[in-house]
Amino acid sequence: MTLIVVLSELSKARRFVADGEKCMVRQRKIVDKLEQQGYDTLDAILFLEYLEELQEQYVAHRNRLEQQILGLVRPNED
């Protein structure tokens, strides 16, 4: 990939990471509210765990793109 393409992908990946964090915060609030109201939170917690797994993948992808950019910008420095 060219530097321009990777930078574009990195921009998207950073947005996914930021959006994913917001989703997890909202879901944690939902879990807390359900718990306070005495509801069964199993499904909400399972969904939160799913979001956390996705977030790990988003972060890993972002990190790989950042490393790829470093390799393109400084190819001889390992």
N, C-alpha and C. Protein backbone atom coordinates (compact mmCIF):
# COMPACT_ATOMS: atom_id res chain seq x y z
N MET A 1 0.83 -1.19 0.00
CA MET A 1 0.00 0.00 0.00
C MET A 1 0.87 1.24 0.00
N THR A 2 0.36 2.28 -0.61
CA THR A 2 1.09 3.54 -0.61
C THR A 2 0.84 4.28 0.70
N LEU A 3 1.68 5.23 0.97
CA LEU A 3 1.55 6.02 2.19
C LEU A 3 0.19 6.71 2.25
N ILE A 4 -0.27 7.26 1.14
CA ILE A 4 -1.56 7.96 1.11
C ILE A 4 -2.69 7.01 1.48
N VAL A 5 -2.67 5.81 0.92
CA VAL A 5 -3.72 4.83 1.20
C VAL A 5 -3.69 4.42 2.67
N VAL A 6 -2.50 4.17 3.20
CA VAL A 6 -2.39 3.75 4.60
C VAL A 6 -2.83 4.88 5.53
N LEU A 7 -2.47 6.11 5.21
CA LEU A 7 -2.91 7.24 6.04
C LEU A 7 -4.43 7.36 6.03
N SER A 8 -5.03 7.14 4.89
CA SER A 8 -6.49 7.18 4.79
C SER A 8 -7.11 6.07 5.64
N GLU A 9 -6.54 4.88 5.54
CA GLU A 9 -7.04 3.76 6.33
C GLU A 9 -6.84 4.01 7.82
N LEU A 10 -5.72 4.63 8.18
CA LEU A 10 -5.46 4.95 9.58
C LEU A 10 -6.49 5.93 10.11
N SER A 11 -6.84 6.90 9.31
CA SER A 11 -7.86 7.87 9.71
C SER A 11 -9.18 7.16 10.01
N LYS A 12 -9.56 6.24 9.14
CA LYS A 12 -10.79 5.46 9.36
C LYS A 12 -10.68 4.61 10.62
N ALA A 13 -9.53 3.97 10.78
CA ALA A 13 -9.33 3.10 11.95
C ALA A 13 -9.42 3.90 13.24
N ARG A 14 -8.86 5.09 13.25
CA ARG A 14 -8.94 5.92 14.45
C ARG A 14 -10.38 6.31 14.77
N ARG A 15 -11.17 6.57 13.72
CA ARG A 15 -12.59 6.88 13.94
C ARG A 15 -13.32 5.66 14.52
N PHE A 16 -13.02 4.47 13.99
CA PHE A 16 -13.64 3.26 14.51
C PHE A 16 -13.28 3.06 15.98
N VAL A 17 -12.04 3.30 16.34
CA VAL A 17 -11.62 3.14 17.73
C VAL A 17 -12.36 4.14 18.62
N ALA A 18 -12.44 5.39 18.19
CA ALA A 18 -13.14 6.41 18.97
C ALA A 18 -14.63 6.09 19.10
N ASP A 19 -15.24 5.71 17.99
CA ASP A 19 -16.66 5.35 18.02
C ASP A 19 -16.90 4.12 18.89
N GLY A 20 -15.99 3.16 18.80
CA GLY A 20 -16.12 1.95 19.62
C GLY A 20 -16.04 2.27 21.10
N GLU A 21 -15.17 3.18 21.46
CA GLU A 21 -15.06 3.58 22.87
C GLU A 21 -16.36 4.22 23.35
N LYS A 22 -16.94 5.06 22.51
CA LYS A 22 -18.22 5.70 22.87
C LYS A 22 -19.32 4.65 23.05
N CYS A 23 -19.35 3.67 22.17
CA CYS A 23 -20.36 2.61 22.27
C CYS A 23 -20.20 1.82 23.57
N MET A 24 -18.96 1.53 23.92
CA MET A 24 -18.72 0.78 25.16
C MET A 24 -19.13 1.59 26.38
N VAL A 25 -18.86 2.88 26.37
CA VAL A 25 -19.26 3.74 27.49
C VAL A 25 -20.77 3.73 27.63
N ARG A 26 -21.47 3.88 26.50
CA ARG A 26 -22.94 3.87 26.54
C ARG A 26 -23.46 2.53 27.05
N GLN A 27 -22.86 1.45 26.58
CA GLN A 27 -23.33 0.14 27.00
C GLN A 27 -23.06 -0.10 28.48
N ARG A 28 -21.94 0.39 28.98
CA ARG A 28 -21.66 0.25 30.42
C ARG A 28 -22.71 1.00 31.24
N LYS A 29 -23.10 2.17 30.75
CA LYS A 29 -24.15 2.94 31.44
C LYS A 29 -25.47 2.19 31.43
N ILE A 30 -25.77 1.54 30.32
CA ILE A 30 -27.01 0.75 30.22
C ILE A 30 -26.97 -0.40 31.21
N VAL A 31 -25.84 -1.09 31.28
CA VAL A 31 -25.70 -2.20 32.23
C VAL A 31 -25.90 -1.68 33.65
N ASP A 32 -25.25 -0.57 33.99
CA ASP A 32 -25.38 0.00 35.33
C ASP A 32 -26.83 0.36 35.64
N LYS A 33 -27.49 0.98 34.70
CA LYS A 33 -28.88 1.39 34.92
C LYS A 33 -29.79 0.18 35.10
N LEU A 34 -29.59 -0.84 34.26
CA LEU A 34 -30.39 -2.05 34.40
C LEU A 34 -30.16 -2.71 35.76
N GLU A 35 -28.90 -2.75 36.19
CA GLU A 35 -28.58 -3.34 37.49
C GLU A 35 -29.25 -2.56 38.62
N GLN A 36 -29.19 -1.24 38.54
CA GLN A 36 -29.80 -0.39 39.57
C GLN A 36 -31.31 -0.60 39.65
N GLN A 37 -31.91 -0.89 38.50
CA GLN A 37 -33.36 -1.09 38.46
C GLN A 37 -33.77 -2.53 38.72
N GLY A 38 -32.78 -3.39 38.95
CA GLY A 38 -33.05 -4.76 39.32
C GLY A 38 -33.35 -5.70 38.16
N TYR A 39 -33.02 -5.30 36.95
CA TYR A 39 -33.27 -6.14 35.78
C TYR A 39 -32.15 -7.15 35.58
N ASP A 40 -32.47 -8.20 34.84
CA ASP A 40 -31.47 -9.19 34.43
C ASP A 40 -30.55 -8.52 33.41
N THR A 41 -29.27 -8.52 33.68
CA THR A 41 -28.31 -7.82 32.82
C THR A 41 -27.48 -8.74 31.94
N LEU A 42 -27.80 -10.02 31.93
CA LEU A 42 -26.96 -10.98 31.21
C LEU A 42 -26.79 -10.59 29.74
N ASP A 43 -27.88 -10.33 29.04
CA ASP A 43 -27.78 -9.99 27.62
C ASP A 43 -26.99 -8.69 27.42
N ALA A 44 -27.21 -7.71 28.27
CA ALA A 44 -26.50 -6.43 28.15
C ALA A 44 -25.01 -6.61 28.40
N ILE A 45 -24.67 -7.47 29.35
CA ILE A 45 -23.26 -7.74 29.64
C ILE A 45 -22.62 -8.52 28.49
N LEU A 46 -23.34 -9.48 27.95
CA LEU A 46 -22.80 -10.24 26.81
C LEU A 46 -22.56 -9.32 25.62
N PHE A 47 -23.48 -8.38 25.40
CA PHE A 47 -23.29 -7.44 24.31
C PHE A 47 -22.09 -6.54 24.58
N LEU A 48 -21.91 -6.11 25.82
CA LEU A 48 -20.75 -5.30 26.18
C LEU A 48 -19.46 -6.09 25.93
N GLU A 49 -19.45 -7.35 26.27
CA GLU A 49 -18.27 -8.17 26.03
C GLU A 49 -17.98 -8.28 24.53
N TYR A 50 -19.03 -8.40 23.74
CA TYR A 50 -18.88 -8.44 22.28
C TYR A 50 -18.26 -7.13 21.78
N LEU A 51 -18.76 -6.00 22.29
CA LEU A 51 -18.21 -4.70 21.90
C LEU A 51 -16.74 -4.59 22.30
N GLU A 52 -16.40 -5.09 23.46
CA GLU A 52 -15.01 -5.04 23.93
C GLU A 52 -14.10 -5.88 23.03
N GLU A 53 -14.59 -7.04 22.58
CA GLU A 53 -13.81 -7.87 21.66
C GLU A 53 -13.59 -7.16 20.33
N LEU A 54 -14.65 -6.53 19.82
CA LEU A 54 -14.51 -5.77 18.58
C LEU A 54 -13.51 -4.63 18.76
N GLN A 55 -13.59 -3.96 19.90
CA GLN A 55 -12.70 -2.84 20.15
C GLN A 55 -11.25 -3.29 20.15
N GLU A 56 -10.99 -4.45 20.72
CA GLU A 56 -9.62 -4.98 20.71
C GLU A 56 -9.13 -5.17 19.27
N GLN A 57 -10.01 -5.65 18.41
CA GLN A 57 -9.65 -5.85 17.01
C GLN A 57 -9.41 -4.50 16.32
N TYR A 58 -10.27 -3.52 16.61
CA TYR A 58 -10.10 -2.19 16.01
C TYR A 58 -8.77 -1.57 16.44
N VAL A 59 -8.45 -1.68 17.71
CA VAL A 59 -7.21 -1.12 18.23
C VAL A 59 -6.00 -1.83 17.61
N ALA A 60 -6.08 -3.14 17.50
CA ALA A 60 -4.97 -3.90 16.91
C ALA A 60 -4.77 -3.50 15.44
N HIS A 61 -5.87 -3.32 14.72
CA HIS A 61 -5.77 -2.91 13.32
C HIS A 61 -5.16 -1.52 13.21
N ARG A 62 -5.62 -0.61 14.07
CA ARG A 62 -5.05 0.75 14.07
C ARG A 62 -3.55 0.70 14.36
N ASN A 63 -3.16 -0.10 15.32
CA ASN A 63 -1.74 -0.21 15.67
C ASN A 63 -0.91 -0.78 14.52
N ARG A 64 -1.47 -1.77 13.80
CA ARG A 64 -0.76 -2.32 12.65
C ARG A 64 -0.58 -1.26 11.57
N LEU A 65 -1.61 -0.46 11.34
CA LEU A 65 -1.51 0.61 10.34
C LEU A 65 -0.45 1.64 10.74
N GLU A 66 -0.42 1.98 12.03
CA GLU A 66 0.59 2.93 12.50
C GLU A 66 1.99 2.38 12.28
N GLN A 67 2.17 1.10 12.54
CA GLN A 67 3.49 0.47 12.30
C GLN A 67 3.82 0.44 10.82
N GLN A 68 2.81 0.21 10.00
CA GLN A 68 3.03 0.19 8.56
C GLN A 68 3.46 1.57 8.07
N ILE A 69 2.86 2.60 8.62
CA ILE A 69 3.23 3.97 8.23
C ILE A 69 4.67 4.25 8.63
N LEU A 70 5.04 3.83 9.83
CA LEU A 70 6.43 4.03 10.25
C LEU A 70 7.39 3.32 9.29
N GLY A 71 7.03 2.15 8.85
CA GLY A 71 7.87 1.43 7.90
C GLY A 71 7.96 2.13 6.56
N LEU A 72 6.89 2.78 6.14
CA LEU A 72 6.92 3.50 4.87
C LEU A 72 7.69 4.82 4.97
N VAL A 73 7.60 5.46 6.12
CA VAL A 73 8.26 6.76 6.31
C VAL A 73 9.73 6.58 6.65
N ARG A 74 10.04 5.57 7.45
CA ARG A 74 11.42 5.31 7.85
C ARG A 74 11.79 3.86 7.53
N PRO A 75 11.91 3.52 6.27
CA PRO A 75 12.09 2.12 5.88
C PRO A 75 13.39 1.48 6.35
N ASN A 76 14.42 2.25 6.61
CA ASN A 76 15.71 1.69 6.98
C ASN A 76 15.94 1.65 8.48
N GLU A 77 14.99 2.10 9.24
CA GLU A 77 15.15 2.12 10.70
C GLU A 77 14.33 0.99 11.31
N ASP A 78 14.98 -0.07 11.67
CA ASP A 78 14.30 -1.21 12.33
C ASP A 78 14.84 -1.46 13.68
